[in-house]
Amino acid sequence: MIKVKFTKGELKRQRDSLSQFKRYLPTLQLKKQQLQMEILHWHAAEREKAQALHSRMLAAASWAGLLAEDNGVDLKPLLVPSEIVTSIKNVAGVDLPVFERAVFPEAEYDLFRVPPWVDNGLDALRELVSMRSEMEVIAQAAGLLKKELRVTAQRVNLFEKVKIPDAQEAIRRIKIYIGDQMANAVGRSKIAKRKIEDLEALEAAL
């Protein structure tokens, strides 16, 4: 049971708190709904990108065997991004990373000593790597949204199930106490008045 001071000052404080909780709760509830919708949106984007990546990988399967050949150039270092460039998008108060592009090291090799497909193959492979990088950024953004949703949902539950009920209960108890005190004061006043009247009547009789 919550501890409260049974005073008019405490009654005002609890009423102010209740008003503030009720005013803030709809904002939290709206943010919760926005976060839930955004998470669905980002998951859909993640699935769409995964399907696109799968299609590109199937298309690359026809020439992927060429990678096993000695082509006079090691493509692996050229497929590791030197930088993943992202921007920031604010969604429901959360700063989310947005994939812009993957930056790869410059490909330096002798065009006359490598097969003609290497350039196109390198571009295609880099596109696959970029798509994977974008999926990672999308997953990171979805994770941030989920974390914020957990915090917001906890705050909504705190207001709905703790803060507002506690303030309402405190107000109810304080009002009952003050009402009882006023009733007792009125009762004592009537008793005191009756005693004075009895005393005055006795003095008049004497």
C-alpha atoms as a PDB file:
ATOM      1  CA  MET A   1       0.000   0.000   0.000  1.00  0.00           C
ATOM      2  CA  ILE A   2       1.337   3.423  -0.928  1.00  0.00           C
ATOM      3  CA  LYS A   3       2.278   5.839   1.859  1.00  0.00           C
ATOM      4  CA  VAL A   4       0.728   9.287   1.688  1.00  0.00           C
ATOM      5  CA  LYS A   5       0.415  12.321   3.922  1.00  0.00           C
ATOM      6  CA  PHE A   6      -3.197  13.022   4.791  1.00  0.00           C
ATOM      7  CA  THR A   7      -3.065  16.752   4.153  1.00  0.00           C
ATOM      8  CA  LYS A   8      -4.664  19.150   1.710  1.00  0.00           C
ATOM      9  CA  GLY A   9      -1.229  19.928   0.294  1.00  0.00           C
ATOM     10  CA  GLU A  10      -0.672  16.244  -0.431  1.00  0.00           C
ATOM     11  CA  LEU A  11      -4.129  16.035  -1.979  1.00  0.00           C
ATOM     12  CA  LYS A  12      -3.221  18.835  -4.391  1.00  0.00           C
ATOM     13  CA  ARG A  13       0.105  17.189  -5.207  1.00  0.00           C
ATOM     14  CA  GLN A  14      -1.561  13.863  -5.964  1.00  0.00           C
ATOM     15  CA  ARG A  15      -4.205  15.544  -8.122  1.00  0.00           C
ATOM     16  CA  ASP A  16      -1.509  17.398 -10.066  1.00  0.00           C
ATOM     17  CA  SER A  17       0.439  14.166 -10.537  1.00  0.00           C
ATOM     18  CA  LEU A  18      -2.670  12.319 -11.723  1.00  0.00           C
ATOM     19  CA  SER A  19      -3.419  15.073 -14.207  1.00  0.00           C
ATOM     20  CA  GLN A  20       0.148  14.940 -15.505  1.00  0.00           C
ATOM     21  CA  PHE A  21       0.089  11.119 -15.813  1.00  0.00           C
ATOM     22  CA  LYS A  22      -3.192  11.176 -17.745  1.00  0.00           C
ATOM     23  CA  ARG A  23      -1.890  13.911 -20.019  1.00  0.00           C
ATOM     24  CA  TYR A  24       1.369  12.076 -20.751  1.00  0.00           C
ATOM     25  CA  LEU A  25      -0.095   8.562 -21.163  1.00  0.00           C
ATOM     26  CA  PRO A  26      -1.748   9.147 -24.595  1.00  0.00           C
ATOM     27  CA  THR A  27       1.591  10.403 -25.948  1.00  0.00           C
ATOM     28  CA  LEU A  28       3.297   7.223 -24.769  1.00  0.00           C
ATOM     29  CA  GLN A  29       0.529   5.063 -26.211  1.00  0.00           C
ATOM     30  CA  LEU A  30       0.795   6.848 -29.564  1.00  0.00           C
ATOM     31  CA  LYS A  31       4.569   6.389 -29.585  1.00  0.00           C
ATOM     32  CA  LYS A  32       4.107   2.689 -28.817  1.00  0.00           C
ATOM     33  CA  GLN A  33       1.768   2.310 -31.798  1.00  0.00           C
ATOM     34  CA  GLN A  34       4.156   4.211 -34.077  1.00  0.00           C
ATOM     35  CA  LEU A  35       7.061   2.008 -33.028  1.00  0.00           C
ATOM     36  CA  GLN A  36       5.047  -1.159 -33.634  1.00  0.00           C
ATOM     37  CA  MET A  37       4.128   0.019 -37.140  1.00  0.00           C
ATOM     38  CA  GLU A  38       7.702   1.055 -37.915  1.00  0.00           C
ATOM     39  CA  ILE A  39       9.042  -2.331 -36.779  1.00  0.00           C
ATOM     40  CA  LEU A  40       6.635  -4.043 -39.179  1.00  0.00           C
ATOM     41  CA  HIS A  41       7.793  -1.672 -41.933  1.00  0.00           C
ATOM     42  CA  TRP A  42      11.489  -2.388 -41.339  1.00  0.00           C
ATOM     43  CA  HIS A  43      10.886  -6.137 -41.140  1.00  0.00           C
ATOM     44  CA  ALA A  44       9.062  -5.967 -44.479  1.00  0.00           C
ATOM     45  CA  ALA A  45      12.019  -4.064 -45.962  1.00  0.00           C
ATOM     46  CA  GLU A  46      14.364  -6.703 -44.558  1.00  0.00           C
ATOM     47  CA  ARG A  47      12.352  -9.524 -46.154  1.00  0.00           C
ATOM     48  CA  GLU A  48      12.189  -7.680 -49.471  1.00  0.00           C
ATOM     49  CA  LYS A  49      15.945  -7.138 -49.489  1.00  0.00           C
ATOM     50  CA  ALA A  50      16.549 -10.793 -48.558  1.00  0.00           C
ATOM     51  CA  GLN A  51      14.405 -11.942 -51.479  1.00  0.00           C
ATOM     52  CA  ALA A  52      16.246  -9.606 -53.859  1.00  0.00           C
ATOM     53  CA  LEU A  53      19.599 -10.886 -52.585  1.00  0.00           C
ATOM     54  CA  HIS A  54      18.487 -14.487 -53.049  1.00  0.00           C
ATOM     55  CA  SER A  55      17.445 -13.755 -56.649  1.00  0.00           C
ATOM     56  CA  ARG A  56      20.780 -12.093 -57.413  1.00  0.00           C
ATOM     57  CA  MET A  57      22.691 -15.013 -55.895  1.00  0.00           C
ATOM     58  CA  LEU A  58      20.742 -17.480 -58.047  1.00  0.00           C
ATOM     59  CA  ALA A  59      21.544 -15.397 -61.106  1.00  0.00           C
ATOM     60  CA  ALA A  60      25.245 -15.370 -60.161  1.00  0.00           C
ATOM     61  CA  ALA A  61      25.329 -19.130 -59.703  1.00  0.00           C
ATOM     62  CA  SER A  62      25.724 -19.635 -63.452  1.00  0.00           C
ATOM     63  CA  TRP A  63      29.174 -18.028 -63.499  1.00  0.00           C
ATOM     64  CA  ALA A  64      30.254 -18.384 -59.873  1.00  0.00           C
ATOM     65  CA  GLY A  65      32.358 -21.426 -60.779  1.00  0.00           C
ATOM     66  CA  LEU A  66      34.734 -19.143 -62.643  1.00  0.00           C
ATOM     67  CA  LEU A  67      35.862 -17.729 -59.292  1.00  0.00           C
ATOM     68  CA  ALA A  68      37.639 -20.967 -58.542  1.00  0.00           C
ATOM     69  CA  GLU A  69      39.881 -20.523 -61.560  1.00  0.00           C
ATOM     70  CA  ASP A  70      43.243 -18.791 -61.459  1.00  0.00           C
ATOM     71  CA  ASN A  71      42.333 -15.435 -62.952  1.00  0.00           C
ATOM     72  CA  GLY A  72      45.533 -13.624 -62.119  1.00  0.00           C
ATOM     73  CA  VAL A  73      43.858 -11.456 -59.461  1.00  0.00           C
ATOM     74  CA  ASP A  74      42.706 -12.072 -55.896  1.00  0.00           C
ATOM     75  CA  LEU A  75      39.163 -10.718 -55.732  1.00  0.00           C
ATOM     76  CA  LYS A  76      38.579 -11.347 -52.021  1.00  0.00           C
ATOM     77  CA  PRO A  77      40.296  -8.175 -50.708  1.00  0.00           C
ATOM     78  CA  LEU A  78      38.390  -6.171 -53.316  1.00  0.00           C
ATOM     79  CA  LEU A  79      35.068  -7.454 -51.942  1.00  0.00           C
ATOM     80  CA  VAL A  80      35.619  -6.180 -48.385  1.00  0.00           C
ATOM     81  CA  PRO A  81      34.057  -2.716 -47.940  1.00  0.00           C
ATOM     82  CA  SER A  82      36.458  -0.102 -46.659  1.00  0.00           C
ATOM     83  CA  GLU A  83      33.480   1.878 -45.360  1.00  0.00           C
ATOM     84  CA  ILE A  84      29.722   1.546 -44.931  1.00  0.00           C
ATOM     85  CA  VAL A  85      28.178   4.975 -45.438  1.00  0.00           C
ATOM     86  CA  THR A  86      24.938   5.606 -43.552  1.00  0.00           C
ATOM     87  CA  SER A  87      22.701   8.558 -42.803  1.00  0.00           C
ATOM     88  CA  ILE A  88      20.397   9.115 -39.837  1.00  0.00           C
ATOM     89  CA  LYS A  89      16.603   9.060 -39.919  1.00  0.00           C
ATOM     90  CA  ASN A  90      14.591   9.998 -36.836  1.00  0.00           C
ATOM     91  CA  VAL A  91      11.564   7.768 -36.357  1.00  0.00           C
ATOM     92  CA  ALA A  92       9.310   8.201 -33.310  1.00  0.00           C
ATOM     93  CA  GLY A  93      12.160   9.894 -31.477  1.00  0.00           C
ATOM     94  CA  VAL A  94      14.723   7.199 -32.356  1.00  0.00           C
ATOM     95  CA  ASP A  95      17.766   7.948 -34.518  1.00  0.00           C
ATOM     96  CA  LEU A  96      18.025   5.085 -37.011  1.00  0.00           C
ATOM     97  CA  PRO A  97      20.876   4.308 -39.404  1.00  0.00           C
ATOM     98  CA  VAL A  98      19.906   4.304 -43.082  1.00  0.00           C
ATOM     99  CA  PHE A  99      22.141   2.532 -45.583  1.00  0.00           C
ATOM    100  CA  GLU A 100      23.537   4.785 -48.301  1.00  0.00           C
ATOM    101  CA  ARG A 101      26.330   2.810 -49.928  1.00  0.00           C
ATOM    102  CA  ALA A 102      29.262   0.488 -49.407  1.00  0.00           C
ATOM    103  CA  VAL A 103      32.667   1.862 -50.353  1.00  0.00           C
ATOM    104  CA  PHE A 104      35.159  -0.639 -51.752  1.00  0.00           C
ATOM    105  CA  PRO A 105      38.923  -0.319 -52.285  1.00  0.00           C
ATOM    106  CA  GLU A 106      39.976   0.656 -55.764  1.00  0.00           C
ATOM    107  CA  ALA A 107      40.489  -2.325 -58.016  1.00  0.00           C
ATOM    108  CA  GLU A 108      44.008  -2.196 -59.382  1.00  0.00           C
ATOM    109  CA  TYR A 109      44.966  -4.946 -61.771  1.00  0.00           C
ATOM    110  CA  ASP A 110      46.186  -5.313 -65.326  1.00  0.00           C
ATOM    111  CA  LEU A 111      43.128  -5.423 -67.595  1.00  0.00           C
ATOM    112  CA  PHE A 112      45.163  -7.235 -70.248  1.00  0.00           C
ATOM    113  CA  ARG A 113      46.177 -10.056 -67.903  1.00  0.00           C
ATOM    114  CA  VAL A 114      42.779 -10.943 -66.440  1.00  0.00           C
ATOM    115  CA  PRO A 115      39.754 -12.488 -68.167  1.00  0.00           C
ATOM    116  CA  PRO A 116      37.254  -9.971 -69.582  1.00  0.00           C
ATOM    117  CA  TRP A 117      34.505 -11.140 -67.226  1.00  0.00           C
ATOM    118  CA  VAL A 118      36.404 -10.064 -64.101  1.00  0.00           C
ATOM    119  CA  ASP A 119      35.213  -6.442 -64.225  1.00  0.00           C
ATOM    120  CA  ASN A 120      31.562  -7.392 -64.539  1.00  0.00           C
ATOM    121  CA  GLY A 121      31.952 -10.220 -62.066  1.00  0.00           C
ATOM    122  CA  LEU A 122      33.569  -7.914 -59.524  1.00  0.00           C
ATOM    123  CA  ASP A 123      30.750  -5.381 -59.903  1.00  0.00           C
ATOM    124  CA  ALA A 124      28.131  -8.111 -59.463  1.00  0.00           C
ATOM    125  CA  LEU A 125      29.845  -9.514 -56.384  1.00  0.00           C
ATOM    126  CA  ARG A 126      30.213  -6.069 -54.872  1.00  0.00           C
ATOM    127  CA  GLU A 127      26.517  -5.506 -55.404  1.00  0.00           C
ATOM    128  CA  LEU A 128      25.795  -8.701 -53.444  1.00  0.00           C
ATOM    129  CA  VAL A 129      28.104  -7.549 -50.648  1.00  0.00           C
ATOM    130  CA  SER A 130      26.396  -4.135 -50.639  1.00  0.00           C
ATOM    131  CA  MET A 131      22.988  -5.799 -50.345  1.00  0.00           C
ATOM    132  CA  ARG A 132      24.208  -7.867 -47.397  1.00  0.00           C
ATOM    133  CA  SER A 133      25.566  -4.719 -45.770  1.00  0.00           C
ATOM    134  CA  GLU A 134      22.243  -2.974 -46.294  1.00  0.00           C
ATOM    135  CA  MET A 135      20.425  -5.897 -44.662  1.00  0.00           C
ATOM    136  CA  GLU A 136      22.738  -5.602 -41.656  1.00  0.00           C
ATOM    137  CA  VAL A 137      21.947  -1.888 -41.328  1.00  0.00           C
ATOM    138  CA  ILE A 138      18.217  -2.594 -41.632  1.00  0.00           C
ATOM    139  CA  ALA A 139      18.493  -5.270 -38.926  1.00  0.00           C
ATOM    140  CA  GLN A 140      20.395  -2.811 -36.714  1.00  0.00           C
ATOM    141  CA  ALA A 141      17.654  -0.197 -37.155  1.00  0.00           C
ATOM    142  CA  ALA A 142      14.947  -2.749 -36.376  1.00  0.00           C
ATOM    143  CA  GLY A 143      16.859  -3.714 -33.231  1.00  0.00           C
ATOM    144  CA  LEU A 144      16.961  -0.097 -32.064  1.00  0.00           C
ATOM    145  CA  LEU A 145      13.218   0.220 -32.675  1.00  0.00           C
ATOM    146  CA  LYS A 146      12.529  -2.965 -30.693  1.00  0.00           C
ATOM    147  CA  LYS A 147      14.642  -1.699 -27.801  1.00  0.00           C
ATOM    148  CA  GLU A 148      12.772   1.613 -27.765  1.00  0.00           C
ATOM    149  CA  LEU A 149       9.451  -0.258 -27.989  1.00  0.00           C
ATOM    150  CA  ARG A 150      10.338  -2.307 -24.886  1.00  0.00           C
ATOM    151  CA  VAL A 151      11.175   0.855 -22.946  1.00  0.00           C
ATOM    152  CA  THR A 152       8.026   2.639 -24.133  1.00  0.00           C
ATOM    153  CA  ALA A 153       5.805  -0.376 -23.377  1.00  0.00           C
ATOM    154  CA  GLN A 154       7.279  -0.532 -19.867  1.00  0.00           C
ATOM    155  CA  ARG A 155       6.466   3.149 -19.355  1.00  0.00           C
ATOM    156  CA  VAL A 156       2.917   2.666 -20.630  1.00  0.00           C
ATOM    157  CA  ASN A 157       2.425  -0.237 -18.223  1.00  0.00           C
ATOM    158  CA  LEU A 158       3.967   1.801 -15.394  1.00  0.00           C
ATOM    159  CA  PHE A 159       1.525   4.661 -15.971  1.00  0.00           C
ATOM    160  CA  GLU A 160      -1.520   2.450 -16.595  1.00  0.00           C
ATOM    161  CA  LYS A 161      -0.962  -0.117 -13.846  1.00  0.00           C
ATOM    162  CA  VAL A 162       1.023   1.756 -11.182  1.00  0.00           C
ATOM    163  CA  LYS A 163       1.256   5.533 -11.360  1.00  0.00           C
ATOM    164  CA  ILE A 164      -2.364   6.367 -12.240  1.00  0.00           C
ATOM    165  CA  PRO A 165      -3.992   3.754  -9.929  1.00  0.00           C
ATOM    166  CA  ASP A 166      -1.676   4.765  -7.058  1.00  0.00           C
ATOM    167  CA  ALA A 167      -2.535   8.454  -7.464  1.00  0.00           C
ATOM    168  CA  GLN A 168      -6.253   7.666  -7.676  1.00  0.00           C
ATOM    169  CA  GLU A 169      -6.048   5.519  -4.550  1.00  0.00           C
ATOM    170  CA  ALA A 170      -4.067   8.184  -2.685  1.00  0.00           C
ATOM    171  CA  ILE A 171      -6.641  10.842  -3.612  1.00  0.00           C
ATOM    172  CA  ARG A 172      -9.483   8.569  -2.477  1.00  0.00           C
ATOM    173  CA  ARG A 173      -7.851   7.869   0.894  1.00  0.00           C
ATOM    174  CA  ILE A 174      -6.898  11.508   1.531  1.00  0.00           C
ATOM    175  CA  LYS A 175     -10.429  12.708   0.669  1.00  0.00           C
ATOM    176  CA  ILE A 176     -11.931  10.135   3.027  1.00  0.00           C
ATOM    177  CA  TYR A 177      -9.533  11.148   5.796  1.00  0.00           C
ATOM    178  CA  ILE A 178     -10.132  14.878   5.329  1.00  0.00           C
ATOM    179  CA  GLY A 179     -13.881  14.244   5.129  1.00  0.00           C
ATOM    180  CA  ASP A 180     -13.764  12.281   8.382  1.00  0.00           C
ATOM    181  CA  GLN A 181     -11.700  15.006  10.026  1.00  0.00           C
ATOM    182  CA  MET A 182     -14.195  17.657   8.931  1.00  0.00           C
ATOM    183  CA  ALA A 183     -17.091  15.559  10.162  1.00  0.00           C
ATOM    184  CA  ASN A 184     -15.345  15.018  13.502  1.00  0.00           C
ATOM    185  CA  ALA A 185     -14.610  18.724  13.764  1.00  0.00           C
ATOM    186  CA  VAL A 186     -18.270  19.527  13.105  1.00  0.00           C
ATOM    187  CA  GLY A 187     -19.274  16.944  15.695  1.00  0.00           C
ATOM    188  CA  ARG A 188     -16.887  18.365  18.267  1.00  0.00           C
ATOM    189  CA  SER A 189     -18.110  21.854  17.501  1.00  0.00           C
ATOM    190  CA  LYS A 190     -21.728  20.808  18.070  1.00  0.00           C
ATOM    191  CA  ILE A 191     -20.824  19.105  21.336  1.00  0.00           C
ATOM    192  CA  ALA A 192     -18.897  22.150  22.504  1.00  0.00           C
ATOM    193  CA  LYS A 193     -21.774  24.425  21.501  1.00  0.00           C
ATOM    194  CA  ARG A 194     -24.267  22.221  23.338  1.00  0.00           C
ATOM    195  CA  LYS A 195     -22.116  22.251  26.492  1.00  0.00           C
ATOM    196  CA  ILE A 196     -21.902  26.024  26.353  1.00  0.00           C
ATOM    197  CA  GLU A 197     -25.659  26.259  25.910  1.00  0.00           C
ATOM    198  CA  ASP A 198     -26.204  23.855  28.831  1.00  0.00           C
ATOM    199  CA  LEU A 199     -23.817  25.864  30.973  1.00  0.00           C
ATOM    200  CA  GLU A 200     -25.547  29.107  30.041  1.00  0.00           C
ATOM    201  CA  ALA A 201     -28.914  27.551  30.820  1.00  0.00           C
ATOM    202  CA  LEU A 202     -27.641  26.348  34.197  1.00  0.00           C
ATOM    203  CA  GLU A 203     -26.247  29.783  35.021  1.00  0.00           C
ATOM    204  CA  ALA A 204     -29.577  31.360  34.070  1.00  0.00           C
ATOM    205  CA  ALA A 205     -31.424  28.955  36.328  1.00  0.00           C
ATOM    206  CA  LEU A 206     -29.232  29.932  39.214  1.00  0.00           C
END
